[in-house]
């Protein structure tokens, strides 16, 4: 009789634990892949002819979407390594796509696509080519371009400067930096003029503080008959960096050369910003984290945070017991980075043991 009672007790406990496990699985939103890269509003058009093939048009959209993704997360020096990526490989990285709009106008077919790429698969491709991607973080930056014509001994600023007037005329979708040009302020104008002989050492603080922007770039172009030298004072994340660039045999009066000059400088700034947000995908730190499995809402929110984490390479439920769900989290960074990111999301952990416990 004693044996039967014990057997029934163990049976009830077993059923109870199985029920808890199933409950957590059903309520879980765990996704082994972290969030995808979404490339929206890819526009393709083609004449509507007898041999019209809609699938080919969609394939063109996939190629263009992948190209836009590469331009937004990979520095210029590495982009050429991805130019020959096959359509089949690109399709293999696509998580979802949708046709946002399609229409016929004057026998021209227009298609607008939204494409989502699986982040993990994209990172695997880049890692295989020894490329470190960057987080595609958009940033507003105060941009002050100044031209010093050393031959004429004159300074060109604000609307006097053709750089100022043309800088934002050609904005690409994949650009991460949004350049905010200063307003034409007489006080600022006089400040720059008064310091024209010492601009390399001038800190521009009286002008910068008028704008509620954390980051700024001061571009000073020294122009003479021999060369063009560009001094860039780049301040991102409260860190100042100076970059000197020299251009030989360049005429800013030549429209094509002038546009190439602007594009080259924008690439410099975009690459610098990307380097600040680079992900070392070769680092795959495995963390073990336990969370109380009696709170399904808490579990759901935690998994959503992990799923949306830019540095979360992968995560999954490692095991379930009567008290906790135990997760394995593969993180592209250090333990301190993980703790800081999660603290910013209002998550704290007890890290005394090998298995960290979510408080």
Protein backbone atom coordinates (compact mmCIF):
# COMPACT_ATOMS: atom_id res chain seq x y z
CA UNK A 1 0.00 0.00 0.00
CA UNK A 2 2.90 2.29 0.88
CA UNK A 3 4.46 1.52 -2.49
CA UNK A 4 1.22 2.42 -4.29
CA UNK A 5 0.93 5.75 -2.45
CA UNK A 6 4.53 6.66 -3.33
CA UNK A 7 3.96 5.61 -6.92
CA UNK A 8 0.85 7.78 -7.17
CA UNK A 9 2.68 10.73 -5.60
CA UNK A 10 5.58 10.47 -8.06
CA UNK A 11 3.12 10.07 -10.90
CA UNK A 12 1.30 13.29 -9.91
CA UNK A 13 4.61 15.17 -9.65
CA UNK A 14 5.71 13.86 -13.04
CA UNK A 15 2.42 14.96 -14.65
CA UNK A 16 2.72 18.36 -12.94
CA UNK A 17 6.26 18.97 -14.26
CA UNK A 18 5.29 17.82 -17.75
CA UNK A 19 2.35 20.23 -17.68
CA UNK A 20 4.65 23.10 -16.63
CA UNK A 21 7.11 22.25 -19.39
CA UNK A 22 4.38 22.16 -22.03
CA UNK A 23 2.86 25.38 -20.72
CA UNK A 24 6.16 27.19 -21.06
CA UNK A 25 6.69 25.82 -24.55
CA UNK A 26 3.24 26.93 -25.69
CA UNK A 27 3.58 30.39 -24.16
CA UNK A 28 7.19 30.83 -25.25
CA UNK A 29 8.04 33.22 -28.09
CA UNK A 30 11.62 31.95 -28.36
CA UNK A 31 13.17 32.31 -31.78
CA UNK A 32 16.55 30.71 -32.43
CA UNK A 33 17.30 33.52 -34.85
CA UNK A 34 17.77 37.06 -33.59
CA UNK A 35 15.95 39.80 -35.42
CA UNK A 36 16.24 40.16 -39.15
CA UNK A 37 17.54 43.00 -41.29
CA UNK A 38 14.59 44.71 -43.01
CA UNK A 39 15.18 46.46 -46.32
CA UNK A 40 12.05 48.29 -47.39
CA UNK A 41 10.73 50.10 -50.44
CA UNK A 42 12.94 48.49 -53.07
CA UNK A 43 11.62 49.88 -56.36
CA UNK A 44 12.00 48.02 -59.66
CA UNK A 45 10.51 48.93 -63.04
CA UNK A 46 10.61 47.26 -66.45
CA UNK A 47 8.75 47.51 -69.78
CA UNK A 48 5.76 45.18 -69.98
CA UNK A 49 6.65 43.03 -72.99
CA UNK A 50 5.72 39.60 -74.39
CA UNK A 51 8.54 37.87 -72.50
CA UNK A 52 7.63 39.61 -69.22
CA UNK A 53 8.54 37.43 -66.23
CA UNK A 54 7.42 38.64 -62.82
CA UNK A 55 9.71 36.21 -60.97
CA UNK A 56 12.75 37.69 -62.70
CA UNK A 57 11.66 41.16 -61.60
CA UNK A 58 11.33 39.96 -58.01
CA UNK A 59 14.80 38.40 -58.25
CA UNK A 60 16.15 41.79 -59.35
CA UNK A 61 14.53 43.24 -56.24
CA UNK A 62 16.29 40.63 -54.06
CA UNK A 63 19.66 41.56 -55.59
CA UNK A 64 19.04 45.26 -55.04
CA UNK A 65 17.85 44.69 -51.46
CA UNK A 66 21.00 42.67 -50.66
CA UNK A 67 23.18 45.37 -52.20
CA UNK A 68 21.47 48.01 -50.05
CA UNK A 69 21.98 45.87 -46.94
CA UNK A 70 25.69 45.47 -47.72
CA UNK A 71 26.10 49.22 -48.24
CA UNK A 72 24.50 49.92 -44.85
CA UNK A 73 26.37 47.40 -42.65
CA UNK A 74 29.74 46.84 -44.38
CA UNK A 75 32.60 49.32 -44.69
CA UNK A 76 33.66 50.41 -48.18
CA UNK A 77 36.93 48.42 -48.10
CA UNK A 78 35.02 45.12 -47.72
CA UNK A 79 32.03 45.73 -49.98
CA UNK A 80 33.84 44.45 -53.10
CA UNK A 81 34.20 41.02 -51.45
CA UNK A 82 30.42 40.59 -51.70
CA UNK A 83 29.80 41.78 -55.26
CA UNK A 84 29.76 38.26 -56.71
CA UNK A 85 27.35 36.80 -54.14
CA UNK A 86 25.03 34.51 -56.10
CA UNK A 87 21.28 34.98 -56.31
CA UNK A 88 20.81 31.49 -54.85
CA UNK A 89 22.86 32.40 -51.77
CA UNK A 90 20.98 35.68 -51.39
CA UNK A 91 17.64 33.87 -51.59
CA UNK A 92 18.86 31.45 -48.93
CA UNK A 93 19.29 34.37 -46.51
CA UNK A 94 15.84 35.85 -47.11
CA UNK A 95 13.48 35.28 -44.21
CA UNK A 96 10.39 36.95 -45.66
CA UNK A 97 9.44 39.31 -48.45
CA UNK A 98 6.29 41.12 -49.44
CA UNK A 99 5.07 43.02 -52.45
CA UNK A 100 4.16 46.43 -51.10
CA UNK A 101 2.86 47.78 -54.39
CA UNK A 102 2.69 46.85 -58.06
CA UNK A 103 1.21 48.84 -60.91
CA UNK A 104 1.22 49.34 -64.68
CA UNK A 105 1.65 52.84 -66.08
CA UNK A 106 2.11 53.44 -69.82
CA UNK A 107 3.13 49.81 -70.37
CA UNK A 108 5.76 50.00 -67.63
CA UNK A 109 5.51 47.57 -64.71
CA UNK A 110 6.44 49.04 -61.31
CA UNK A 111 7.14 46.88 -58.28
CA UNK A 112 7.90 47.88 -54.67
CA UNK A 113 9.32 45.16 -52.40
CA UNK A 114 10.00 44.78 -48.69
CA UNK A 115 12.66 42.15 -47.92
CA UNK A 116 13.81 40.74 -44.57
CA UNK A 117 17.17 38.96 -44.31
CA UNK A 118 17.97 36.45 -41.58
CA UNK A 119 20.63 38.19 -39.49
CA UNK A 120 22.35 35.00 -38.41
CA UNK A 121 22.75 33.78 -42.01
CA UNK A 122 24.02 37.19 -43.14
CA UNK A 123 26.59 37.23 -40.32
CA UNK A 124 27.71 33.71 -41.24
CA UNK A 125 28.28 34.82 -44.85
CA UNK A 126 30.29 37.86 -43.74
CA UNK A 127 32.32 35.88 -41.21
CA UNK A 128 33.23 33.40 -43.93
CA UNK A 129 34.74 36.28 -45.92
CA UNK A 130 36.51 37.73 -42.87
CA UNK A 131 34.21 40.77 -42.76
CA UNK A 132 33.02 42.35 -39.52
CA UNK A 133 29.55 43.92 -39.98
CA UNK A 134 28.32 47.04 -38.23
CA UNK A 135 25.03 47.79 -36.57
CA UNK A 136 22.94 49.90 -39.00
CA UNK A 137 22.32 52.70 -36.50
CA UNK A 138 21.02 55.98 -37.91
CA UNK A 139 22.56 59.13 -36.46
CA UNK A 140 21.91 62.87 -36.69
CA UNK A 141 25.18 64.78 -36.83
CA UNK A 142 25.88 68.51 -36.93
CA UNK A 143 27.99 69.17 -40.03
CA UNK A 144 29.93 72.41 -40.53
CA UNK A 145 31.81 72.60 -43.86
CA UNK A 146 34.32 75.42 -44.35
CA UNK A 147 36.47 76.22 -47.37
CA UNK A 148 39.73 78.17 -47.02
CA UNK A 149 41.00 79.35 -50.39
CA UNK A 150 44.67 79.91 -49.65
CA UNK A 151 45.35 81.47 -53.05
CA UNK A 152 42.70 84.14 -52.65
CA UNK A 153 43.06 84.32 -48.87
CA UNK A 154 39.30 84.00 -48.39
CA UNK A 155 36.98 81.82 -46.33
CA UNK A 156 33.70 80.39 -47.62
CA UNK A 157 31.03 79.35 -45.12
CA UNK A 158 27.28 78.75 -45.05
CA UNK A 159 25.56 79.59 -48.35
CA UNK A 160 28.78 81.18 -49.66
CA UNK A 161 30.18 77.67 -49.85
CA UNK A 162 29.31 75.34 -52.73
CA UNK A 163 29.96 72.43 -50.34
CA UNK A 164 27.32 73.75 -47.98
CA UNK A 165 24.82 74.20 -50.82
CA UNK A 166 25.39 70.80 -52.43
CA UNK A 167 26.15 68.48 -49.53
CA UNK A 168 22.62 67.19 -48.93
CA UNK A 169 21.43 67.14 -52.54
CA UNK A 170 22.16 63.44 -53.09
CA UNK A 171 21.08 61.38 -50.07
CA UNK A 172 21.20 57.59 -50.38
CA UNK A 173 18.81 55.24 -48.55
CA UNK A 174 21.71 53.25 -47.14
CA UNK A 175 23.38 56.30 -45.59
CA UNK A 176 23.37 56.08 -41.80
CA UNK A 177 24.40 59.67 -41.09
CA UNK A 178 21.89 62.47 -41.39
CA UNK A 179 23.91 65.67 -41.81
CA UNK A 180 22.34 68.67 -40.09
CA UNK A 181 23.71 71.87 -41.58
CA UNK A 182 23.86 74.95 -39.32
CA UNK A 183 21.56 77.89 -39.84
CA UNK A 184 23.09 81.08 -41.18
CA UNK A 185 23.76 82.95 -37.99
CA UNK A 186 25.61 86.29 -38.18
CA UNK A 187 27.26 85.71 -34.81
CA UNK A 188 28.55 82.30 -35.94
CA UNK A 189 29.66 83.78 -39.24
CA UNK A 190 31.76 86.41 -37.45
CA UNK A 191 33.19 83.86 -35.01
CA UNK A 192 34.49 81.70 -37.84
CA UNK A 193 35.81 84.71 -39.77
CA UNK A 194 37.61 86.02 -36.68
CA UNK A 195 39.28 82.64 -36.15
CA UNK A 196 40.06 81.95 -39.80
CA UNK A 197 43.83 81.98 -39.17
CA UNK A 198 43.53 79.41 -36.39
CA UNK A 199 40.71 77.11 -37.46
CA UNK A 200 42.79 73.98 -37.00
CA UNK A 201 42.96 74.66 -33.26
CA UNK A 202 39.61 76.38 -32.79
CA UNK A 203 37.09 74.16 -30.94
CA UNK A 204 33.86 75.68 -32.38
CA UNK A 205 32.20 75.17 -28.99
CA UNK A 206 30.18 78.45 -29.02
CA UNK A 207 28.56 77.31 -32.29
CA UNK A 208 28.15 73.61 -31.47
CA UNK A 209 26.39 74.19 -28.15
CA UNK A 210 23.53 75.99 -29.91
CA UNK A 211 22.43 72.69 -31.42
CA UNK A 212 20.98 69.90 -29.34
CA UNK A 213 23.13 67.26 -31.02
CA UNK A 214 25.62 64.93 -29.33
CA UNK A 215 27.82 64.41 -32.40
CA UNK A 216 29.40 66.74 -34.90
CA UNK A 217 31.83 66.93 -37.81
CA UNK A 218 33.82 70.06 -38.65
CA UNK A 219 35.22 69.82 -42.17
CA UNK A 220 37.86 72.40 -43.12
CA UNK A 221 38.97 72.35 -46.75
CA UNK A 222 42.32 74.02 -47.45
CA UNK A 223 42.48 74.75 -51.16
CA UNK A 224 45.47 75.95 -53.22
CA UNK A 225 46.97 75.43 -56.67
CA UNK A 226 48.90 72.30 -55.67
CA UNK A 227 46.41 70.24 -53.69
CA UNK A 228 43.28 70.11 -51.58
CA UNK A 229 43.75 69.17 -47.95
CA UNK A 230 40.76 68.32 -45.78
CA UNK A 231 40.96 68.43 -42.00
CA UNK A 232 38.07 66.56 -40.39
CA UNK A 233 37.26 67.05 -36.73
CA UNK A 234 34.97 64.12 -36.01
CA UNK A 235 33.24 63.86 -32.66
CA UNK A 236 31.17 60.70 -32.14
CA UNK A 237 30.09 59.41 -28.73
CA UNK A 238 32.06 62.18 -26.97
CA UNK A 239 35.31 61.08 -28.58
CA UNK A 240 37.19 63.49 -30.85
CA UNK A 241 39.25 62.24 -33.77
CA UNK A 242 41.21 64.18 -36.39
CA UNK A 243 41.46 62.89 -39.94
CA UNK A 244 43.63 64.57 -42.56
CA UNK A 245 42.98 63.79 -46.22
CA UNK A 246 44.81 65.00 -49.30
CA UNK A 247 43.53 65.16 -52.87
CA UNK A 248 45.86 65.75 -55.82
CA UNK A 249 44.87 66.95 -59.29
CA UNK A 250 41.32 67.68 -58.21
CA UNK A 251 39.27 70.59 -59.45
CA UNK A 252 36.23 71.54 -57.41
CA UNK A 253 35.03 73.54 -60.41
CA UNK A 254 34.62 70.32 -62.39
CA UNK A 255 31.11 69.08 -61.56
CA UNK A 256 31.95 65.37 -61.86
CA UNK A 257 35.10 65.67 -59.74
CA UNK A 258 33.25 67.81 -57.21
CA UNK A 259 30.50 65.17 -56.80
CA UNK A 260 33.12 62.42 -56.44
CA UNK A 261 34.84 64.56 -53.79
CA UNK A 262 31.60 64.78 -51.80
CA UNK A 263 30.92 61.03 -52.20
CA UNK A 264 34.45 60.17 -51.03
CA UNK A 265 34.09 62.32 -47.93
CA UNK A 266 30.68 60.86 -47.12
CA UNK A 267 32.23 57.39 -47.40
CA UNK A 268 34.94 58.43 -44.92
CA UNK A 269 32.33 59.58 -42.39
CA UNK A 270 30.05 56.58 -42.95
CA UNK A 271 32.99 54.17 -42.52
CA UNK A 272 34.10 55.95 -39.37
CA UNK A 273 30.59 55.67 -37.91
CA UNK A 274 30.38 51.99 -38.90
CA UNK A 275 33.73 51.30 -37.21
CA UNK A 276 32.22 52.70 -34.00
CA UNK A 277 29.40 50.15 -34.23
CA UNK A 278 31.33 47.14 -35.49
CA UNK A 279 30.35 43.64 -34.35
CA UNK A 280 33.13 41.13 -33.82
CA UNK A 281 31.20 38.07 -34.96
CA UNK A 282 34.23 35.86 -34.29
CA UNK A 283 33.48 36.31 -30.57
CA UNK A 284 30.75 33.86 -29.61
CA UNK A 285 30.42 33.96 -25.84
CA UNK A 286 28.05 31.34 -24.39
CA UNK A 287 26.07 32.51 -21.38
CA UNK A 288 23.75 30.36 -19.26
CA UNK A 289 20.79 32.22 -17.77
CA UNK A 290 17.91 30.95 -15.63
CA UNK A 291 14.51 32.61 -15.31
CA UNK A 292 11.60 31.73 -13.03
CA UNK A 293 9.13 29.70 -15.10
CA UNK A 294 6.09 30.67 -13.03
CA UNK A 295 5.82 34.03 -14.81
CA UNK A 296 4.96 33.48 -18.46
CA UNK A 297 4.66 37.20 -19.22
CA UNK A 298 8.16 37.80 -17.85
CA UNK A 299 9.48 34.92 -19.98
CA UNK A 300 7.78 36.28 -23.08
CA UNK A 301 9.20 39.80 -22.58
CA UNK A 302 12.69 38.45 -21.85
CA UNK A 303 12.69 36.35 -25.02
CA UNK A 304 11.50 39.32 -27.05
CA UNK A 305 14.42 41.40 -25.75
CA UNK A 306 16.82 38.60 -26.69
CA UNK A 307 15.21 38.22 -30.11
CA UNK A 308 15.65 41.94 -30.81
CA UNK A 309 19.19 42.13 -29.44
CA UNK A 310 21.68 43.26 -32.08
CA UNK A 311 24.57 41.37 -30.46
CA UNK A 312 22.57 38.22 -29.67
CA UNK A 313 23.78 35.67 -32.22
CA UNK A 314 21.51 32.87 -30.98
CA UNK A 315 19.53 31.68 -27.95
CA UNK A 316 17.49 28.65 -26.99
CA UNK A 317 16.00 26.86 -23.98
CA UNK A 318 18.70 24.49 -22.72
CA UNK A 319 16.58 22.76 -20.10
CA UNK A 320 13.46 23.16 -17.95
CA UNK A 321 13.04 22.12 -14.35
CA UNK A 322 10.30 22.64 -11.78
CA UNK A 323 11.52 26.18 -11.01
CA UNK A 324 13.30 27.63 -14.01
CA UNK A 325 13.76 27.84 -17.73
CA UNK A 326 17.50 27.67 -18.41
CA UNK A 327 18.70 29.44 -21.57
CA UNK A 328 21.89 29.24 -23.57
CA UNK A 329 22.66 32.65 -25.08
CA UNK A 330 25.39 33.10 -27.71
CA UNK A 331 26.58 36.69 -27.53
CA UNK A 332 28.92 38.61 -29.87
CA UNK A 333 30.73 40.46 -27.11
CA UNK A 334 31.97 40.37 -23.53
CA UNK A 335 30.01 39.48 -20.35
CA UNK A 336 30.20 43.13 -19.24
CA UNK A 337 28.72 44.27 -22.57
CA UNK A 338 25.84 41.83 -22.16
CA UNK A 339 25.14 42.96 -18.60
CA UNK A 340 25.22 46.65 -19.61
CA UNK A 341 22.89 46.12 -22.57
CA UNK A 342 20.44 44.15 -20.43
CA UNK A 343 20.65 46.68 -17.59
CA UNK A 344 19.62 49.38 -20.09
CA UNK A 345 16.54 47.19 -20.71
CA UNK A 346 15.90 47.04 -16.92
CA UNK A 347 17.17 43.47 -16.49
CA UNK A 348 19.55 42.58 -13.63
CA UNK A 349 21.18 39.24 -12.90
CA UNK A 350 22.64 37.38 -9.96
CA UNK A 351 26.02 36.36 -11.45
CA UNK A 352 27.62 34.65 -8.43
CA UNK A 353 27.28 31.16 -9.93
CA UNK A 354 27.99 29.68 -13.34
CA UNK A 355 24.29 29.91 -14.18
CA UNK A 356 23.21 33.54 -13.99
CA UNK A 357 19.76 34.10 -12.51
CA UNK A 358 17.46 36.82 -13.79
CA UNK A 359 16.26 38.83 -10.80
